[in-house]
ModelCIF file with pLDDT and N, C-alpha, C, O atoms, coordinates in Angstrom:
data_MODEL
#
_entry.id   MODEL 
#
_entity.id                         1 
_entity.type                       polymer 
_entity.pdbx_number_of_molecules   1 
#
_entity_poly.entity_id                      1 
_entity_poly.type                           'polypeptide(L)' 
_entity_poly.nstd_linkage                   no 
_entity_poly.nstd_monomer                   no 
_entity_poly.pdbx_seq_one_letter_code       YKEVFQLRIFGELSFINIGNIFGKTENWARV 
_entity_poly.pdbx_seq_one_letter_code_can   YKEVFQLRIFGELSFINIGNIFGKTENWARV 
_entity_poly.pdbx_strand_id                 A 
#
loop_
_entity_poly_seq.entity_id 
_entity_poly_seq.num 
_entity_poly_seq.mon_id 
_entity_poly_seq.hetero 
1 1  TYR n 
1 2  LYS n 
1 3  GLU n 
1 4  VAL n 
1 5  PHE n 
1 6  GLN n 
1 7  LEU n 
1 8  ARG n 
1 9  ILE n 
1 10 PHE n 
1 11 GLY n 
1 12 GLU n 
1 13 LEU n 
1 14 SER n 
1 15 PHE n 
1 16 ILE n 
1 17 ASN n 
1 18 ILE n 
1 19 GLY n 
1 20 ASN n 
1 21 ILE n 
1 22 PHE n 
1 23 GLY n 
1 24 LYS n 
1 25 THR n 
1 26 GLU n 
1 27 ASN n 
1 28 TRP n 
1 29 ALA n 
1 30 ARG n 
1 31 VAL n 
#
_struct_asym.id          A 
_struct_asym.entity_id   1 
#
loop_
_ma_qa_metric.id 
_ma_qa_metric.mode 
_ma_qa_metric.name 
_ma_qa_metric.software_group_id 
_ma_qa_metric.type 
1 global pLDDT . pLDDT 
2 local  pLDDT . pLDDT 
#
_ma_qa_metric_global.metric_id      1 
_ma_qa_metric_global.metric_value   86.94 
_ma_qa_metric_global.model_id       1 
_ma_qa_metric_global.ordinal_id     1 
#
loop_
_ma_qa_metric_local.label_asym_id 
_ma_qa_metric_local.label_comp_id 
_ma_qa_metric_local.label_seq_id 
_ma_qa_metric_local.metric_id 
_ma_qa_metric_local.metric_value 
_ma_qa_metric_local.model_id 
_ma_qa_metric_local.ordinal_id 
A TYR 1  2 88.00 1 1  
A LYS 2  2 86.00 1 2  
A GLU 3  2 87.00 1 3  
A VAL 4  2 88.00 1 4  
A PHE 5  2 86.00 1 5  
A GLN 6  2 82.00 1 6  
A LEU 7  2 84.00 1 7  
A ARG 8  2 83.00 1 8  
A ILE 9  2 80.00 1 9  
A PHE 10 2 76.00 1 10 
A GLY 11 2 78.00 1 11 
A GLU 12 2 80.00 1 12 
A LEU 13 2 82.00 1 13 
A SER 14 2 86.00 1 14 
A PHE 15 2 87.00 1 15 
A ILE 16 2 89.00 1 16 
A ASN 17 2 87.00 1 17 
A ILE 18 2 89.00 1 18 
A GLY 19 2 89.00 1 19 
A ASN 20 2 89.00 1 20 
A ILE 21 2 87.00 1 21 
A PHE 22 2 90.00 1 22 
A GLY 23 2 92.00 1 23 
A LYS 24 2 91.00 1 24 
A THR 25 2 92.00 1 25 
A GLU 26 2 90.00 1 26 
A ASN 27 2 92.00 1 27 
A TRP 28 2 92.00 1 28 
A ALA 29 2 91.00 1 29 
A ARG 30 2 90.00 1 30 
A VAL 31 2 92.00 1 31 
#
loop_
_atom_site.group_PDB 
_atom_site.id 
_atom_site.type_symbol 
_atom_site.label_atom_id 
_atom_site.label_alt_id 
_atom_site.label_comp_id 
_atom_site.label_asym_id 
_atom_site.label_entity_id 
_atom_site.label_seq_id 
_atom_site.pdbx_PDB_ins_code 
_atom_site.Cartn_x 
_atom_site.Cartn_y 
_atom_site.Cartn_z 
_atom_site.occupancy 
_atom_site.B_iso_or_equiv 
_atom_site.pdbx_formal_charge 
_atom_site.auth_seq_id 
_atom_site.auth_comp_id 
_atom_site.auth_asym_id 
_atom_site.auth_atom_id 
_atom_site.pdbx_PDB_model_num 
ATOM 1   N N  . TYR A 1 1  ? 1.160  9.263  2.161  1.00 88.00 ? 1  TYR A N  1 
ATOM 2   C CA . TYR A 1 1  ? 1.549  9.104  0.920  1.00 88.00 ? 1  TYR A CA 1 
ATOM 3   C C  . TYR A 1 1  ? 2.758  8.615  0.689  1.00 88.00 ? 1  TYR A C  1 
ATOM 4   O O  . TYR A 1 1  ? 3.039  7.788  -0.179 1.00 88.00 ? 1  TYR A O  1 
ATOM 5   N N  . LYS A 1 2  ? 3.785  9.322  1.772  1.00 86.00 ? 2  LYS A N  1 
ATOM 6   C CA . LYS A 1 2  ? 5.062  8.882  2.047  1.00 86.00 ? 2  LYS A CA 1 
ATOM 7   C C  . LYS A 1 2  ? 5.224  7.248  2.086  1.00 86.00 ? 2  LYS A C  1 
ATOM 8   O O  . LYS A 1 2  ? 5.931  6.585  1.328  1.00 86.00 ? 2  LYS A O  1 
ATOM 9   N N  . GLU A 1 3  ? 4.486  6.813  3.040  1.00 87.00 ? 3  GLU A N  1 
ATOM 10  C CA . GLU A 1 3  ? 4.735  5.260  3.162  1.00 87.00 ? 3  GLU A CA 1 
ATOM 11  C C  . GLU A 1 3  ? 4.253  4.292  2.396  1.00 87.00 ? 3  GLU A C  1 
ATOM 12  O O  . GLU A 1 3  ? 4.777  3.184  2.286  1.00 87.00 ? 3  GLU A O  1 
ATOM 13  N N  . VAL A 1 4  ? 2.984  4.751  1.691  1.00 88.00 ? 4  VAL A N  1 
ATOM 14  C CA . VAL A 1 4  ? 2.424  4.032  0.646  1.00 88.00 ? 4  VAL A CA 1 
ATOM 15  C C  . VAL A 1 4  ? 3.101  3.888  -0.500 1.00 88.00 ? 4  VAL A C  1 
ATOM 16  O O  . VAL A 1 4  ? 2.934  2.888  -1.198 1.00 88.00 ? 4  VAL A O  1 
ATOM 17  N N  . PHE A 1 5  ? 4.053  4.988  -0.877 1.00 86.00 ? 5  PHE A N  1 
ATOM 18  C CA . PHE A 1 5  ? 4.730  4.858  -1.908 1.00 86.00 ? 5  PHE A CA 1 
ATOM 19  C C  . PHE A 1 5  ? 5.901  4.130  -1.680 1.00 86.00 ? 5  PHE A C  1 
ATOM 20  O O  . PHE A 1 5  ? 6.268  3.298  -2.511 1.00 86.00 ? 5  PHE A O  1 
ATOM 21  N N  . GLN A 1 6  ? 6.580  4.357  -0.576 1.00 82.00 ? 6  GLN A N  1 
ATOM 22  C CA . GLN A 1 6  ? 7.764  3.399  -0.081 1.00 82.00 ? 6  GLN A CA 1 
ATOM 23  C C  . GLN A 1 6  ? 7.397  1.974  -0.087 1.00 82.00 ? 6  GLN A C  1 
ATOM 24  O O  . GLN A 1 6  ? 8.127  1.157  -0.647 1.00 82.00 ? 6  GLN A O  1 
ATOM 25  N N  . LEU A 1 7  ? 6.386  1.652  0.460  1.00 84.00 ? 7  LEU A N  1 
ATOM 26  C CA . LEU A 1 7  ? 5.868  0.366  0.422  1.00 84.00 ? 7  LEU A CA 1 
ATOM 27  C C  . LEU A 1 7  ? 5.850  -0.239 -1.019 1.00 84.00 ? 7  LEU A C  1 
ATOM 28  O O  . LEU A 1 7  ? 6.443  -1.298 -1.228 1.00 84.00 ? 7  LEU A O  1 
ATOM 29  N N  . ARG A 1 8  ? 5.223  0.372  -1.952 1.00 83.00 ? 8  ARG A N  1 
ATOM 30  C CA . ARG A 1 8  ? 4.898  0.066  -2.906 1.00 83.00 ? 8  ARG A CA 1 
ATOM 31  C C  . ARG A 1 8  ? 6.390  0.112  -3.949 1.00 83.00 ? 8  ARG A C  1 
ATOM 32  O O  . ARG A 1 8  ? 6.699  -0.945 -4.500 1.00 83.00 ? 8  ARG A O  1 
ATOM 33  N N  . ILE A 1 9  ? 6.997  0.972  -4.110 1.00 80.00 ? 9  ILE A N  1 
ATOM 34  C CA . ILE A 1 9  ? 8.297  1.090  -4.770 1.00 80.00 ? 9  ILE A CA 1 
ATOM 35  C C  . ILE A 1 9  ? 9.510  0.169  -4.251 1.00 80.00 ? 9  ILE A C  1 
ATOM 36  O O  . ILE A 1 9  ? 10.081 -0.627 -4.996 1.00 80.00 ? 9  ILE A O  1 
ATOM 37  N N  . PHE A 1 10 ? 9.843  0.359  -2.901 1.00 76.00 ? 10 PHE A N  1 
ATOM 38  C CA . PHE A 1 10 ? 11.053 0.092  -2.423 1.00 76.00 ? 10 PHE A CA 1 
ATOM 39  C C  . PHE A 1 10 ? 10.629 -1.131 -1.906 1.00 76.00 ? 10 PHE A C  1 
ATOM 40  O O  . PHE A 1 10 ? 11.419 -2.074 -1.948 1.00 76.00 ? 10 PHE A O  1 
ATOM 41  N N  . GLY A 1 11 ? 9.536  -1.278 -1.432 1.00 78.00 ? 11 GLY A N  1 
ATOM 42  C CA . GLY A 1 11 ? 9.301  -2.768 -0.414 1.00 78.00 ? 11 GLY A CA 1 
ATOM 43  C C  . GLY A 1 11 ? 8.483  -3.737 -1.625 1.00 78.00 ? 11 GLY A C  1 
ATOM 44  O O  . GLY A 1 11 ? 8.187  -4.908 -1.389 1.00 78.00 ? 11 GLY A O  1 
ATOM 45  N N  . GLU A 1 12 ? 8.220  -3.171 -2.734 1.00 80.00 ? 12 GLU A N  1 
ATOM 46  C CA . GLU A 1 12 ? 7.957  -4.070 -3.615 1.00 80.00 ? 12 GLU A CA 1 
ATOM 47  C C  . GLU A 1 12 ? 6.361  -4.853 -3.396 1.00 80.00 ? 12 GLU A C  1 
ATOM 48  O O  . GLU A 1 12 ? 5.984  -5.833 -4.039 1.00 80.00 ? 12 GLU A O  1 
ATOM 49  N N  . LEU A 1 13 ? 5.560  -4.127 -2.307 1.00 82.00 ? 13 LEU A N  1 
ATOM 50  C CA . LEU A 1 13 ? 4.509  -4.894 -1.788 1.00 82.00 ? 13 LEU A CA 1 
ATOM 51  C C  . LEU A 1 13 ? 3.168  -4.808 -2.629 1.00 82.00 ? 13 LEU A C  1 
ATOM 52  O O  . LEU A 1 13 ? 2.823  -3.750 -3.156 1.00 82.00 ? 13 LEU A O  1 
ATOM 53  N N  . SER A 1 14 ? 2.561  -5.768 -2.711 1.00 86.00 ? 14 SER A N  1 
ATOM 54  C CA . SER A 1 14 ? 0.945  -5.534 -3.805 1.00 86.00 ? 14 SER A CA 1 
ATOM 55  C C  . SER A 1 14 ? 0.147  -4.425 -3.063 1.00 86.00 ? 14 SER A C  1 
ATOM 56  O O  . SER A 1 14 ? 0.534  -4.055 -1.954 1.00 86.00 ? 14 SER A O  1 
ATOM 57  N N  . PHE A 1 15 ? -0.773 -3.975 -3.547 1.00 87.00 ? 15 PHE A N  1 
ATOM 58  C CA . PHE A 1 15 ? -1.684 -3.261 -2.993 1.00 87.00 ? 15 PHE A CA 1 
ATOM 59  C C  . PHE A 1 15 ? -2.472 -3.771 -2.018 1.00 87.00 ? 15 PHE A C  1 
ATOM 60  O O  . PHE A 1 15 ? -2.658 -3.064 -1.028 1.00 87.00 ? 15 PHE A O  1 
ATOM 61  N N  . ILE A 1 16 ? -3.073 -5.045 -2.085 1.00 89.00 ? 16 ILE A N  1 
ATOM 62  C CA . ILE A 1 16 ? -3.805 -6.042 -1.230 1.00 89.00 ? 16 ILE A CA 1 
ATOM 63  C C  . ILE A 1 16 ? -2.976 -5.665 0.082  1.00 89.00 ? 16 ILE A C  1 
ATOM 64  O O  . ILE A 1 16 ? -3.456 -5.114 1.073  1.00 89.00 ? 16 ILE A O  1 
ATOM 65  N N  . ASN A 1 17 ? -1.518 -6.097 -0.103 1.00 87.00 ? 17 ASN A N  1 
ATOM 66  C CA . ASN A 1 17 ? -0.764 -5.756 1.326  1.00 87.00 ? 17 ASN A CA 1 
ATOM 67  C C  . ASN A 1 17 ? -0.672 -4.544 2.048  1.00 87.00 ? 17 ASN A C  1 
ATOM 68  O O  . ASN A 1 17 ? -0.721 -4.343 3.261  1.00 87.00 ? 17 ASN A O  1 
ATOM 69  N N  . ILE A 1 18 ? -0.526 -3.749 1.069  1.00 89.00 ? 18 ILE A N  1 
ATOM 70  C CA . ILE A 1 18 ? -0.630 -2.380 1.533  1.00 89.00 ? 18 ILE A CA 1 
ATOM 71  C C  . ILE A 1 18 ? -1.651 -1.856 2.164  1.00 89.00 ? 18 ILE A C  1 
ATOM 72  O O  . ILE A 1 18 ? -1.584 -1.186 3.194  1.00 89.00 ? 18 ILE A O  1 
ATOM 73  N N  . GLY A 1 19 ? -2.739 -2.181 1.490  1.00 89.00 ? 19 GLY A N  1 
ATOM 74  C CA . GLY A 1 19 ? -4.071 -1.923 2.071  1.00 89.00 ? 19 GLY A CA 1 
ATOM 75  C C  . GLY A 1 19 ? -4.216 -2.723 3.639  1.00 89.00 ? 19 GLY A C  1 
ATOM 76  O O  . GLY A 1 19 ? -4.513 -2.142 4.683  1.00 89.00 ? 19 GLY A O  1 
ATOM 77  N N  . ASN A 1 20 ? -3.973 -3.940 3.519  1.00 89.00 ? 20 ASN A N  1 
ATOM 78  C CA . ASN A 1 20 ? -4.112 -4.760 4.966  1.00 89.00 ? 20 ASN A CA 1 
ATOM 79  C C  . ASN A 1 20 ? -3.060 -4.094 5.956  1.00 89.00 ? 20 ASN A C  1 
ATOM 80  O O  . ASN A 1 20 ? -3.358 -4.194 7.146  1.00 89.00 ? 20 ASN A O  1 
ATOM 81  N N  . ILE A 1 21 ? -1.844 -3.412 5.644  1.00 87.00 ? 21 ILE A N  1 
ATOM 82  C CA . ILE A 1 21 ? -1.094 -2.894 6.884  1.00 87.00 ? 21 ILE A CA 1 
ATOM 83  C C  . ILE A 1 21 ? -1.850 -1.558 7.179  1.00 87.00 ? 21 ILE A C  1 
ATOM 84  O O  . ILE A 1 21 ? -1.568 -1.081 8.279  1.00 87.00 ? 21 ILE A O  1 
ATOM 85  N N  . PHE A 1 22 ? -2.560 -1.003 6.589  1.00 90.00 ? 22 PHE A N  1 
ATOM 86  C CA . PHE A 1 22 ? -3.018 0.164  6.868  1.00 90.00 ? 22 PHE A CA 1 
ATOM 87  C C  . PHE A 1 22 ? -4.533 0.015  7.395  1.00 90.00 ? 22 PHE A C  1 
ATOM 88  O O  . PHE A 1 22 ? -5.147 1.014  7.769  1.00 90.00 ? 22 PHE A O  1 
ATOM 89  N N  . GLY A 1 23 ? -5.050 -1.131 7.409  1.00 92.00 ? 23 GLY A N  1 
ATOM 90  C CA . GLY A 1 23 ? -6.341 -1.632 7.626  1.00 92.00 ? 23 GLY A CA 1 
ATOM 91  C C  . GLY A 1 23 ? -7.293 -0.945 6.775  1.00 92.00 ? 23 GLY A C  1 
ATOM 92  O O  . GLY A 1 23 ? -8.337 -0.432 7.177  1.00 92.00 ? 23 GLY A O  1 
ATOM 93  N N  . LYS A 1 24 ? -6.858 -0.961 5.519  1.00 91.00 ? 24 LYS A N  1 
ATOM 94  C CA . LYS A 1 24 ? -7.648 -0.085 4.502  1.00 91.00 ? 24 LYS A CA 1 
ATOM 95  C C  . LYS A 1 24 ? -8.101 -1.406 3.480  1.00 91.00 ? 24 LYS A C  1 
ATOM 96  O O  . LYS A 1 24 ? -7.889 -2.562 3.847  1.00 91.00 ? 24 LYS A O  1 
ATOM 97  N N  . THR A 1 25 ? -8.777 -1.078 2.095  1.00 92.00 ? 25 THR A N  1 
ATOM 98  C CA . THR A 1 25 ? -8.985 -1.565 1.366  1.00 92.00 ? 25 THR A CA 1 
ATOM 99  C C  . THR A 1 25 ? -7.784 -1.538 0.076  1.00 92.00 ? 25 THR A C  1 
ATOM 100 O O  . THR A 1 25 ? -7.119 -0.562 -0.270 1.00 92.00 ? 25 THR A O  1 
ATOM 101 N N  . GLU A 1 26 ? -7.750 -2.812 -0.448 1.00 90.00 ? 26 GLU A N  1 
ATOM 102 C CA . GLU A 1 26 ? -6.913 -2.369 -1.917 1.00 90.00 ? 26 GLU A CA 1 
ATOM 103 C C  . GLU A 1 26 ? -6.925 -1.400 -2.737 1.00 90.00 ? 26 GLU A C  1 
ATOM 104 O O  . GLU A 1 26 ? -5.894 -1.009 -3.284 1.00 90.00 ? 26 GLU A O  1 
ATOM 105 N N  . ASN A 1 27 ? -8.319 -0.769 -2.980 1.00 92.00 ? 27 ASN A N  1 
ATOM 106 C CA . ASN A 1 27 ? -8.658 0.351  -3.840 1.00 92.00 ? 27 ASN A CA 1 
ATOM 107 C C  . ASN A 1 27 ? -8.094 1.584  -3.169 1.00 92.00 ? 27 ASN A C  1 
ATOM 108 O O  . ASN A 1 27 ? -7.587 2.409  -3.929 1.00 92.00 ? 27 ASN A O  1 
ATOM 109 N N  . TRP A 1 28 ? -8.095 1.853  -1.858 1.00 92.00 ? 28 TRP A N  1 
ATOM 110 C CA . TRP A 1 28 ? -7.560 2.864  -0.946 1.00 92.00 ? 28 TRP A CA 1 
ATOM 111 C C  . TRP A 1 28 ? -6.083 2.948  -1.121 1.00 92.00 ? 28 TRP A C  1 
ATOM 112 O O  . TRP A 1 28 ? -5.455 4.006  -1.142 1.00 92.00 ? 28 TRP A O  1 
ATOM 113 N N  . ALA A 1 29 ? -5.571 1.749  -1.247 1.00 91.00 ? 29 ALA A N  1 
ATOM 114 C CA . ALA A 1 29 ? -4.010 2.000  -1.424 1.00 91.00 ? 29 ALA A CA 1 
ATOM 115 C C  . ALA A 1 29 ? -3.693 2.137  -2.848 1.00 91.00 ? 29 ALA A C  1 
ATOM 116 O O  . ALA A 1 29 ? -2.606 2.671  -3.067 1.00 91.00 ? 29 ALA A O  1 
ATOM 117 N N  . ARG A 1 30 ? -4.371 1.787  -3.853 1.00 90.00 ? 30 ARG A N  1 
ATOM 118 C CA . ARG A 1 30 ? -4.166 1.895  -5.101 1.00 90.00 ? 30 ARG A CA 1 
ATOM 119 C C  . ARG A 1 30 ? -4.372 3.819  -5.480 1.00 90.00 ? 30 ARG A C  1 
ATOM 120 O O  . ARG A 1 30 ? -3.667 4.591  -6.130 1.00 90.00 ? 30 ARG A O  1 
ATOM 121 N N  . VAL A 1 31 ? -5.446 3.982  -4.842 1.00 92.00 ? 31 VAL A N  1 
ATOM 122 C CA . VAL A 1 31 ? -5.631 5.508  -5.181 1.00 92.00 ? 31 VAL A CA 1 
ATOM 123 C C  . VAL A 1 31 ? -4.495 6.414  -4.085 1.00 92.00 ? 31 VAL A C  1 
ATOM 124 O O  . VAL A 1 31 ? -4.434 7.642  -4.139 1.00 92.00 ? 31 VAL A O  1 
#
């Protein structure tokens, strides 16, 4: 949760990119 929030807010990454970083789906990143 911590890293996903930081990537989204501070890193301004899209959910697709966040999902890719974690090897997960865009939906996983959104949830």
